[in-house]
N, C-alpha and C. Protein backbone atom coordinates (compact mmCIF):
# COMPACT_ATOMS: atom_id res chain seq x y z
N MET A 1 53.33 150.03 -112.37
CA MET A 1 54.01 148.77 -112.11
C MET A 1 55.32 148.98 -111.34
N LEU A 2 55.94 150.13 -111.56
CA LEU A 2 57.19 150.42 -110.85
C LEU A 2 56.96 150.49 -109.35
N ARG A 3 55.86 151.11 -108.93
CA ARG A 3 55.57 151.20 -107.49
C ARG A 3 55.38 149.82 -106.87
N ILE A 4 54.69 148.94 -107.60
CA ILE A 4 54.46 147.59 -107.09
C ILE A 4 55.79 146.84 -106.99
N THR A 5 56.62 146.97 -108.02
CA THR A 5 57.93 146.31 -108.00
C THR A 5 58.77 146.80 -106.84
N LEU A 6 58.81 148.11 -106.65
CA LEU A 6 59.55 148.67 -105.52
C LEU A 6 58.96 148.20 -104.19
N GLY A 7 57.65 148.09 -104.14
CA GLY A 7 57.00 147.60 -102.93
C GLY A 7 57.38 146.17 -102.62
N ILE A 8 57.43 145.32 -103.64
CA ILE A 8 57.83 143.92 -103.44
C ILE A 8 59.27 143.84 -102.96
N LEU A 9 60.13 144.67 -103.53
CA LEU A 9 61.52 144.74 -103.06
C LEU A 9 61.56 145.16 -101.59
N GLY A 10 60.66 146.07 -101.22
CA GLY A 10 60.58 146.52 -99.83
C GLY A 10 60.10 145.42 -98.89
N VAL A 11 59.12 144.63 -99.32
CA VAL A 11 58.64 143.53 -98.49
C VAL A 11 59.77 142.53 -98.23
N ALA A 12 60.54 142.22 -99.27
CA ALA A 12 61.67 141.31 -99.09
C ALA A 12 62.68 141.89 -98.11
N ALA A 13 62.87 143.21 -98.15
CA ALA A 13 63.80 143.86 -97.21
C ALA A 13 63.27 143.78 -95.78
N VAL A 14 61.97 143.99 -95.60
CA VAL A 14 61.38 143.89 -94.25
C VAL A 14 61.50 142.46 -93.74
N ALA A 15 61.22 141.47 -94.60
CA ALA A 15 61.34 140.07 -94.19
C ALA A 15 62.78 139.73 -93.80
N THR A 16 63.73 140.23 -94.57
CA THR A 16 65.15 139.97 -94.28
C THR A 16 65.56 140.66 -92.98
N ALA A 17 65.10 141.87 -92.77
CA ALA A 17 65.40 142.57 -91.52
C ALA A 17 64.80 141.82 -90.34
N GLY A 18 63.60 141.28 -90.52
CA GLY A 18 62.99 140.46 -89.47
C GLY A 18 63.82 139.24 -89.14
N ASP A 19 64.29 138.57 -90.19
CA ASP A 19 65.17 137.41 -89.96
C ASP A 19 66.43 137.83 -89.21
N ALA A 20 67.02 138.93 -89.61
CA ALA A 20 68.24 139.41 -88.96
C ALA A 20 67.98 139.66 -87.47
N LEU A 21 66.85 140.24 -87.14
CA LEU A 21 66.53 140.48 -85.73
C LEU A 21 66.38 139.16 -84.97
N TRP A 22 65.66 138.21 -85.56
CA TRP A 22 65.48 136.91 -84.89
C TRP A 22 66.83 136.22 -84.70
N TYR A 23 67.65 136.20 -85.75
CA TYR A 23 68.91 135.45 -85.68
C TYR A 23 69.98 136.18 -84.88
N GLU A 24 70.18 137.44 -85.17
CA GLU A 24 71.31 138.17 -84.57
C GLU A 24 71.05 138.58 -83.13
N LEU A 25 69.82 138.90 -82.80
CA LEU A 25 69.52 139.31 -81.44
C LEU A 25 69.05 138.14 -80.58
N GLY A 26 68.86 136.99 -81.22
CA GLY A 26 68.43 135.82 -80.47
C GLY A 26 67.04 135.96 -79.89
N VAL A 27 66.14 136.60 -80.65
CA VAL A 27 64.77 136.76 -80.19
C VAL A 27 64.17 135.38 -79.93
N GLU A 28 63.59 135.20 -78.75
CA GLU A 28 62.99 133.91 -78.42
C GLU A 28 61.67 133.77 -79.17
N HIS A 29 61.41 132.57 -79.62
CA HIS A 29 60.19 132.30 -80.39
C HIS A 29 59.01 132.19 -79.44
N ARG A 30 58.42 133.32 -79.15
CA ARG A 30 57.27 133.42 -78.25
C ARG A 30 56.08 133.95 -79.04
N ILE A 31 54.89 133.72 -78.55
CA ILE A 31 53.68 134.11 -79.26
C ILE A 31 53.65 135.61 -79.52
N LEU A 32 53.94 136.42 -78.52
CA LEU A 32 53.88 137.87 -78.72
C LEU A 32 54.88 138.33 -79.77
N ALA A 33 56.09 137.79 -79.73
CA ALA A 33 57.09 138.16 -80.74
C ALA A 33 56.63 137.75 -82.14
N GLY A 34 56.01 136.58 -82.27
CA GLY A 34 55.52 136.12 -83.55
C GLY A 34 54.38 136.97 -84.07
N ILE A 35 53.48 137.39 -83.19
CA ILE A 35 52.36 138.23 -83.61
C ILE A 35 52.86 139.61 -84.04
N VAL A 36 53.78 140.19 -83.28
CA VAL A 36 54.34 141.50 -83.66
C VAL A 36 55.09 141.38 -84.99
N HIS A 37 55.88 140.32 -85.14
CA HIS A 37 56.61 140.10 -86.39
C HIS A 37 55.63 139.97 -87.56
N GLY A 38 54.58 139.17 -87.39
CA GLY A 38 53.59 138.99 -88.45
C GLY A 38 52.90 140.29 -88.80
N ALA A 39 52.54 141.08 -87.80
CA ALA A 39 51.87 142.35 -88.06
C ALA A 39 52.77 143.31 -88.84
N LEU A 40 54.03 143.41 -88.44
CA LEU A 40 54.94 144.34 -89.13
C LEU A 40 55.26 143.88 -90.55
N LEU A 41 55.53 142.60 -90.71
CA LEU A 41 55.85 142.07 -92.04
C LEU A 41 54.66 142.20 -92.98
N LEU A 42 53.50 141.80 -92.52
CA LEU A 42 52.33 141.85 -93.39
C LEU A 42 51.80 143.27 -93.58
N ALA A 43 52.16 144.19 -92.70
CA ALA A 43 51.84 145.60 -92.95
C ALA A 43 52.54 146.06 -94.23
N ALA A 44 53.78 145.62 -94.40
CA ALA A 44 54.52 145.96 -95.62
C ALA A 44 53.86 145.32 -96.84
N ALA A 45 53.49 144.05 -96.73
CA ALA A 45 52.82 143.37 -97.85
C ALA A 45 51.47 144.02 -98.14
N GLY A 46 50.75 144.38 -97.10
CA GLY A 46 49.46 145.06 -97.28
C GLY A 46 49.61 146.40 -97.96
N ALA A 47 50.68 147.10 -97.65
CA ALA A 47 50.93 148.39 -98.32
C ALA A 47 51.08 148.20 -99.82
N VAL A 48 51.73 147.12 -100.23
CA VAL A 48 51.89 146.84 -101.66
C VAL A 48 50.54 146.54 -102.29
N VAL A 49 49.74 145.72 -101.62
CA VAL A 49 48.40 145.43 -102.13
C VAL A 49 47.57 146.71 -102.18
N GLY A 50 47.72 147.55 -101.17
CA GLY A 50 47.01 148.83 -101.16
C GLY A 50 47.46 149.78 -102.26
N LEU A 51 48.73 149.70 -102.64
CA LEU A 51 49.24 150.53 -103.74
C LEU A 51 48.46 150.28 -105.03
N ALA A 52 48.05 149.05 -105.25
CA ALA A 52 47.32 148.70 -106.47
C ALA A 52 45.96 149.40 -106.52
N SER A 53 45.45 149.81 -105.37
CA SER A 53 44.18 150.52 -105.29
C SER A 53 44.39 151.99 -104.93
N ASP A 54 45.63 152.44 -104.97
CA ASP A 54 45.98 153.80 -104.54
C ASP A 54 45.56 154.07 -103.11
N ARG A 55 45.63 153.04 -102.27
CA ARG A 55 45.28 153.17 -100.85
C ARG A 55 46.31 152.44 -99.99
N PRO A 56 47.58 152.86 -100.08
CA PRO A 56 48.62 152.14 -99.33
C PRO A 56 48.43 152.19 -97.81
N ALA A 57 47.91 153.28 -97.28
CA ALA A 57 47.72 153.36 -95.82
C ALA A 57 46.67 152.36 -95.37
N ALA A 58 45.55 152.29 -96.07
CA ALA A 58 44.53 151.30 -95.74
C ALA A 58 45.07 149.89 -95.94
N GLY A 59 45.87 149.69 -96.97
CA GLY A 59 46.49 148.39 -97.21
C GLY A 59 47.43 148.01 -96.09
N THR A 60 48.15 148.98 -95.55
CA THR A 60 49.07 148.72 -94.43
C THR A 60 48.30 148.21 -93.22
N THR A 61 47.19 148.86 -92.92
CA THR A 61 46.37 148.43 -91.78
C THR A 61 45.79 147.04 -92.03
N ALA A 62 45.27 146.82 -93.24
CA ALA A 62 44.71 145.52 -93.58
C ALA A 62 45.80 144.44 -93.53
N GLY A 63 46.98 144.76 -94.02
CA GLY A 63 48.08 143.81 -93.98
C GLY A 63 48.47 143.45 -92.56
N ALA A 64 48.52 144.45 -91.69
CA ALA A 64 48.85 144.18 -90.28
C ALA A 64 47.82 143.23 -89.67
N ALA A 65 46.55 143.46 -90.00
CA ALA A 65 45.49 142.56 -89.50
C ALA A 65 45.69 141.15 -90.06
N ALA A 66 46.05 141.04 -91.33
CA ALA A 66 46.31 139.72 -91.93
C ALA A 66 47.50 139.06 -91.23
N GLY A 67 48.51 139.84 -90.88
CA GLY A 67 49.68 139.30 -90.19
C GLY A 67 49.34 138.77 -88.81
N VAL A 68 48.50 139.50 -88.09
CA VAL A 68 48.06 139.03 -86.78
C VAL A 68 47.24 137.75 -86.96
N GLY A 69 46.34 137.76 -87.96
CA GLY A 69 45.53 136.57 -88.23
C GLY A 69 46.39 135.36 -88.56
N GLY A 70 47.39 135.55 -89.42
CA GLY A 70 48.28 134.45 -89.78
C GLY A 70 49.05 133.93 -88.58
N ALA A 71 49.54 134.83 -87.73
CA ALA A 71 50.28 134.42 -86.54
C ALA A 71 49.39 133.65 -85.57
N VAL A 72 48.16 134.11 -85.41
CA VAL A 72 47.22 133.41 -84.53
C VAL A 72 46.94 132.00 -85.06
N VAL A 73 46.75 131.88 -86.38
CA VAL A 73 46.56 130.56 -86.98
C VAL A 73 47.77 129.68 -86.69
N TYR A 74 48.96 130.23 -86.90
CA TYR A 74 50.18 129.45 -86.66
C TYR A 74 50.23 128.94 -85.22
N TYR A 75 50.08 129.84 -84.26
CA TYR A 75 50.24 129.44 -82.86
C TYR A 75 49.08 128.57 -82.38
N ALA A 76 47.91 128.72 -82.98
CA ALA A 76 46.78 127.85 -82.62
C ALA A 76 47.02 126.42 -83.07
N LEU A 77 47.74 126.25 -84.18
CA LEU A 77 47.96 124.91 -84.73
C LEU A 77 49.31 124.28 -84.37
N ALA A 78 50.30 125.09 -84.10
CA ALA A 78 51.68 124.59 -83.95
C ALA A 78 51.82 123.53 -82.86
N GLY A 79 51.12 123.70 -81.76
CA GLY A 79 51.27 122.77 -80.64
C GLY A 79 50.82 121.36 -80.95
N TRP A 80 49.77 121.20 -81.72
CA TRP A 80 49.27 119.85 -81.96
C TRP A 80 49.45 119.38 -83.40
N ALA A 81 49.62 120.28 -84.35
CA ALA A 81 49.77 119.86 -85.76
C ALA A 81 51.22 119.90 -86.22
N GLY A 82 52.08 120.54 -85.46
CA GLY A 82 53.49 120.66 -85.85
C GLY A 82 53.74 121.95 -86.61
N GLY A 83 55.01 122.35 -86.59
CA GLY A 83 55.40 123.62 -87.18
C GLY A 83 55.17 123.73 -88.67
N ARG A 84 55.45 122.67 -89.42
CA ARG A 84 55.30 122.72 -90.88
C ARG A 84 53.83 122.88 -91.29
N VAL A 85 52.96 122.10 -90.68
CA VAL A 85 51.53 122.20 -90.99
C VAL A 85 51.01 123.56 -90.58
N ALA A 86 51.41 124.01 -89.40
CA ALA A 86 50.97 125.31 -88.91
C ALA A 86 51.45 126.43 -89.82
N MET A 87 52.71 126.35 -90.28
CA MET A 87 53.24 127.39 -91.17
C MET A 87 52.49 127.39 -92.49
N GLY A 88 52.19 126.21 -93.02
CA GLY A 88 51.42 126.14 -94.27
C GLY A 88 50.04 126.76 -94.12
N ALA A 89 49.38 126.45 -93.03
CA ALA A 89 48.05 127.01 -92.77
C ALA A 89 48.12 128.53 -92.57
N ALA A 90 49.14 128.97 -91.85
CA ALA A 90 49.30 130.41 -91.61
C ALA A 90 49.60 131.14 -92.92
N TRP A 91 50.48 130.57 -93.74
CA TRP A 91 50.84 131.18 -95.02
C TRP A 91 49.59 131.29 -95.90
N GLY A 92 48.83 130.22 -95.99
CA GLY A 92 47.60 130.25 -96.78
C GLY A 92 46.59 131.24 -96.25
N SER A 93 46.43 131.30 -94.95
CA SER A 93 45.45 132.22 -94.36
C SER A 93 45.84 133.67 -94.59
N VAL A 94 47.13 133.96 -94.55
CA VAL A 94 47.60 135.33 -94.80
C VAL A 94 47.20 135.78 -96.21
N TRP A 95 47.41 134.90 -97.20
CA TRP A 95 47.07 135.27 -98.58
C TRP A 95 45.57 135.40 -98.77
N LEU A 96 44.80 134.52 -98.13
CA LEU A 96 43.35 134.65 -98.23
C LEU A 96 42.87 135.94 -97.57
N LEU A 97 43.42 136.26 -96.42
CA LEU A 97 43.04 137.52 -95.76
C LEU A 97 43.43 138.73 -96.60
N LEU A 98 44.63 138.72 -97.18
CA LEU A 98 45.02 139.83 -98.06
C LEU A 98 44.08 139.95 -99.25
N ALA A 99 43.69 138.82 -99.82
CA ALA A 99 42.76 138.84 -100.96
C ALA A 99 41.39 139.39 -100.53
N ILE A 100 40.92 138.99 -99.36
CA ILE A 100 39.64 139.49 -98.87
C ILE A 100 39.70 140.99 -98.65
N PHE A 101 40.75 141.45 -97.97
CA PHE A 101 40.87 142.88 -97.72
C PHE A 101 40.99 143.65 -99.03
N SER A 102 41.77 143.10 -99.96
CA SER A 102 41.93 143.75 -101.26
C SER A 102 40.61 143.80 -102.01
N GLY A 103 39.92 142.68 -102.04
CA GLY A 103 38.70 142.58 -102.83
C GLY A 103 37.49 143.25 -102.23
N ARG A 104 37.44 143.36 -100.92
CA ARG A 104 36.24 143.91 -100.28
C ARG A 104 36.44 145.28 -99.65
N LEU A 105 37.65 145.59 -99.20
CA LEU A 105 37.84 146.85 -98.48
C LEU A 105 38.63 147.90 -99.25
N LEU A 106 39.57 147.47 -100.07
CA LEU A 106 40.47 148.44 -100.71
C LEU A 106 39.98 148.91 -102.07
N ARG A 107 39.05 148.22 -102.66
CA ARG A 107 38.57 148.56 -104.00
C ARG A 107 37.33 149.43 -103.91
N SER A 108 37.16 150.27 -104.92
CA SER A 108 35.96 151.10 -104.94
C SER A 108 34.72 150.26 -105.22
N ARG A 109 34.88 149.21 -106.03
CA ARG A 109 33.79 148.26 -106.29
C ARG A 109 34.25 146.89 -105.80
N PRO A 110 33.58 146.35 -104.78
CA PRO A 110 34.01 145.06 -104.24
C PRO A 110 33.96 143.95 -105.29
N SER A 111 34.91 143.06 -105.21
CA SER A 111 34.96 141.89 -106.08
C SER A 111 34.02 140.82 -105.55
N PRO A 112 33.51 139.96 -106.43
CA PRO A 112 32.70 138.83 -105.96
C PRO A 112 33.54 137.88 -105.10
N TRP A 113 32.88 137.22 -104.15
CA TRP A 113 33.58 136.31 -103.26
C TRP A 113 34.29 135.21 -104.02
N SER A 114 33.69 134.72 -105.09
CA SER A 114 34.32 133.65 -105.86
C SER A 114 35.66 134.11 -106.44
N VAL A 115 35.71 135.35 -106.89
CA VAL A 115 36.95 135.91 -107.45
C VAL A 115 37.98 136.10 -106.34
N ILE A 116 37.54 136.61 -105.21
CA ILE A 116 38.44 136.83 -104.08
C ILE A 116 39.08 135.52 -103.62
N LEU A 117 38.25 134.50 -103.45
CA LEU A 117 38.77 133.21 -102.99
C LEU A 117 39.69 132.57 -104.02
N ALA A 118 39.36 132.73 -105.30
CA ALA A 118 40.23 132.19 -106.36
C ALA A 118 41.59 132.90 -106.35
N ARG A 119 41.59 134.23 -106.25
CA ARG A 119 42.85 134.99 -106.22
C ARG A 119 43.66 134.68 -104.98
N GLY A 120 42.99 134.64 -103.84
CA GLY A 120 43.71 134.33 -102.61
C GLY A 120 44.31 132.94 -102.65
N SER A 121 43.57 131.99 -103.18
CA SER A 121 44.09 130.63 -103.30
C SER A 121 45.25 130.56 -104.27
N GLN A 122 45.12 131.26 -105.39
CA GLN A 122 46.22 131.28 -106.37
C GLN A 122 47.46 131.92 -105.76
N ALA A 123 47.29 133.03 -105.07
CA ALA A 123 48.43 133.69 -104.43
C ALA A 123 49.08 132.77 -103.39
N ALA A 124 48.25 132.09 -102.60
CA ALA A 124 48.77 131.18 -101.57
C ALA A 124 49.54 130.03 -102.18
N VAL A 125 49.00 129.44 -103.24
CA VAL A 125 49.65 128.28 -103.86
C VAL A 125 50.96 128.70 -104.54
N LEU A 126 50.91 129.77 -105.34
CA LEU A 126 52.11 130.19 -106.06
C LEU A 126 53.22 130.63 -105.11
N SER A 127 52.87 131.46 -104.15
CA SER A 127 53.91 131.92 -103.22
C SER A 127 54.30 130.80 -102.27
N GLY A 128 53.36 129.91 -101.95
CA GLY A 128 53.68 128.77 -101.09
C GLY A 128 54.68 127.84 -101.74
N LEU A 129 54.50 127.58 -103.03
CA LEU A 129 55.47 126.75 -103.75
C LEU A 129 56.84 127.43 -103.80
N ALA A 130 56.84 128.73 -104.06
CA ALA A 130 58.10 129.47 -104.09
C ALA A 130 58.77 129.42 -102.71
N PHE A 131 57.98 129.61 -101.66
CA PHE A 131 58.48 129.57 -100.29
C PHE A 131 59.11 128.21 -99.98
N LEU A 132 58.43 127.13 -100.39
CA LEU A 132 58.98 125.79 -100.16
C LEU A 132 60.32 125.59 -100.87
N LEU A 133 60.45 126.18 -102.05
CA LEU A 133 61.70 126.03 -102.80
C LEU A 133 62.89 126.71 -102.12
N VAL A 134 62.61 127.75 -101.33
CA VAL A 134 63.71 128.49 -100.69
C VAL A 134 63.71 128.34 -99.17
N LEU A 135 62.88 127.46 -98.66
CA LEU A 135 62.73 127.31 -97.21
C LEU A 135 64.06 127.01 -96.52
N ARG A 136 64.84 126.13 -97.09
CA ARG A 136 66.13 125.78 -96.47
C ARG A 136 67.07 126.99 -96.42
N ALA A 137 67.08 127.79 -97.46
CA ALA A 137 67.92 128.99 -97.47
C ALA A 137 67.44 129.98 -96.41
N LEU A 138 66.13 130.03 -96.20
CA LEU A 138 65.58 130.99 -95.24
C LEU A 138 65.75 130.54 -93.80
N TRP A 139 65.37 129.32 -93.52
CA TRP A 139 65.30 128.88 -92.13
C TRP A 139 66.09 127.63 -91.84
N GLY A 140 66.88 127.17 -92.80
CA GLY A 140 67.71 126.00 -92.54
C GLY A 140 68.91 126.36 -91.70
N PRO A 141 69.71 125.35 -91.38
CA PRO A 141 70.92 125.64 -90.61
C PRO A 141 71.84 126.57 -91.41
N PRO A 142 72.48 127.50 -90.73
CA PRO A 142 73.35 128.43 -91.46
C PRO A 142 74.57 127.73 -92.03
N PRO A 143 75.06 128.21 -93.17
CA PRO A 143 76.30 127.65 -93.71
C PRO A 143 77.47 127.93 -92.75
N GLU A 144 78.58 127.26 -92.99
CA GLU A 144 79.73 127.42 -92.09
C GLU A 144 80.18 128.86 -91.95
N GLY A 145 80.13 129.61 -93.01
CA GLY A 145 80.57 131.01 -92.97
C GLY A 145 79.55 131.95 -92.36
N GLY A 146 78.40 131.43 -91.96
CA GLY A 146 77.34 132.27 -91.39
C GLY A 146 76.29 132.61 -92.44
N ARG A 147 75.24 133.21 -91.99
CA ARG A 147 74.12 133.57 -92.88
C ARG A 147 74.52 134.71 -93.80
N SER A 148 74.04 134.62 -95.02
CA SER A 148 74.19 135.71 -95.97
C SER A 148 72.84 136.39 -96.10
N TYR A 149 72.75 137.60 -95.65
CA TYR A 149 71.47 138.29 -95.73
C TYR A 149 71.14 138.72 -97.16
N LEU A 150 72.12 138.72 -98.02
CA LEU A 150 71.83 138.94 -99.44
C LEU A 150 71.09 137.71 -100.00
N VAL A 151 71.52 136.52 -99.60
CA VAL A 151 70.82 135.30 -100.01
C VAL A 151 69.42 135.28 -99.39
N GLN A 152 69.31 135.65 -98.11
CA GLN A 152 68.00 135.73 -97.45
C GLN A 152 67.08 136.67 -98.23
N TYR A 153 67.62 137.82 -98.60
CA TYR A 153 66.82 138.81 -99.33
C TYR A 153 66.32 138.24 -100.65
N GLY A 154 67.21 137.61 -101.40
CA GLY A 154 66.81 137.01 -102.67
C GLY A 154 65.75 135.92 -102.48
N ALA A 155 65.91 135.13 -101.44
CA ALA A 155 64.95 134.06 -101.17
C ALA A 155 63.58 134.64 -100.80
N TRP A 156 63.57 135.68 -99.97
CA TRP A 156 62.30 136.30 -99.61
C TRP A 156 61.66 136.99 -100.81
N LEU A 157 62.46 137.60 -101.64
CA LEU A 157 61.94 138.22 -102.85
C LEU A 157 61.25 137.16 -103.72
N PHE A 158 61.90 136.02 -103.88
CA PHE A 158 61.36 134.90 -104.66
C PHE A 158 60.07 134.38 -104.03
N ALA A 159 60.01 134.33 -102.70
CA ALA A 159 58.84 133.77 -102.02
C ALA A 159 57.64 134.71 -102.03
N TRP A 160 57.86 136.01 -101.85
CA TRP A 160 56.75 136.96 -101.75
C TRP A 160 56.22 137.43 -103.10
N ALA A 161 57.06 137.50 -104.11
CA ALA A 161 56.67 138.08 -105.39
C ALA A 161 55.46 137.41 -106.05
N PRO A 162 55.39 136.07 -106.13
CA PRO A 162 54.25 135.49 -106.85
C PRO A 162 52.89 135.86 -106.26
N GLY A 163 52.78 135.84 -104.94
CA GLY A 163 51.51 136.18 -104.31
C GLY A 163 51.17 137.64 -104.47
N LEU A 164 52.14 138.51 -104.24
CA LEU A 164 51.88 139.94 -104.37
C LEU A 164 51.56 140.33 -105.81
N LEU A 165 52.25 139.73 -106.75
CA LEU A 165 51.93 140.01 -108.15
C LEU A 165 50.54 139.49 -108.52
N THR A 166 50.17 138.34 -107.99
CA THR A 166 48.83 137.80 -108.26
C THR A 166 47.76 138.77 -107.77
N LEU A 167 47.91 139.27 -106.57
CA LEU A 167 46.88 140.16 -106.01
C LEU A 167 46.89 141.54 -106.65
N THR A 168 48.05 142.05 -107.01
CA THR A 168 48.10 143.40 -107.58
C THR A 168 47.81 143.41 -109.08
N TRP A 169 48.22 142.39 -109.81
CA TRP A 169 47.86 142.33 -111.23
C TRP A 169 46.37 142.12 -111.41
N ALA A 170 45.77 141.38 -110.50
CA ALA A 170 44.33 141.16 -110.57
C ALA A 170 43.60 142.49 -110.50
N ARG A 171 44.08 143.40 -109.71
CA ARG A 171 43.47 144.73 -109.59
C ARG A 171 43.53 145.46 -110.92
N ARG A 172 44.67 145.42 -111.57
CA ARG A 172 44.83 146.11 -112.86
C ARG A 172 43.93 145.48 -113.93
N ILE A 173 43.79 144.17 -113.90
CA ILE A 173 42.91 143.49 -114.87
C ILE A 173 41.48 143.95 -114.66
N ASP A 174 41.04 144.02 -113.41
CA ASP A 174 39.68 144.47 -113.12
C ASP A 174 39.43 145.88 -113.63
N GLU A 175 40.39 146.76 -113.38
CA GLU A 175 40.23 148.17 -113.76
C GLU A 175 40.24 148.36 -115.28
N ASN A 176 41.08 147.61 -115.97
CA ASN A 176 41.24 147.79 -117.40
C ASN A 176 40.30 146.89 -118.22
N GLY A 177 39.61 145.97 -117.57
CA GLY A 177 38.70 145.10 -118.27
C GLY A 177 39.38 144.06 -119.14
N ARG A 178 40.66 143.81 -118.91
CA ARG A 178 41.37 142.79 -119.67
C ARG A 178 42.37 142.09 -118.77
């Protein structure tokens, strides 16, 4: 459990570093930048999911693929559905992809599709609700004194933890039969 906890702390750090790059360097919101950002961020999340199966390298690759998939969903929808709808769809698709990769590729015995879809949906809903609760802190207008990356870090930790814990605890339940 310590490795998973440290991994979740690491994902929040990667997300915060990504925000710092976007904000401080003035990275323009372009498709290629979004896809690269998604791949790098979700590679970290995938590594955590892979840790639960003792396959962090495979999880990193799967996570990067989930990040590209989520970014493609976002950019495919953003133009006509709006940013909020596109972000919700991308966030949900990322969790479903992570659940699929976890359940079918990272485990020695693949999980049934019904279990995979249930876990992915649960991870998407729980982390999505957490994300909505901290959305203003993450992407709202900066306070007068400027952004606090410690606040960003805490908000990302709050947003990522429910989904990652859902996917990694599910692995332990499967292995231990309880």
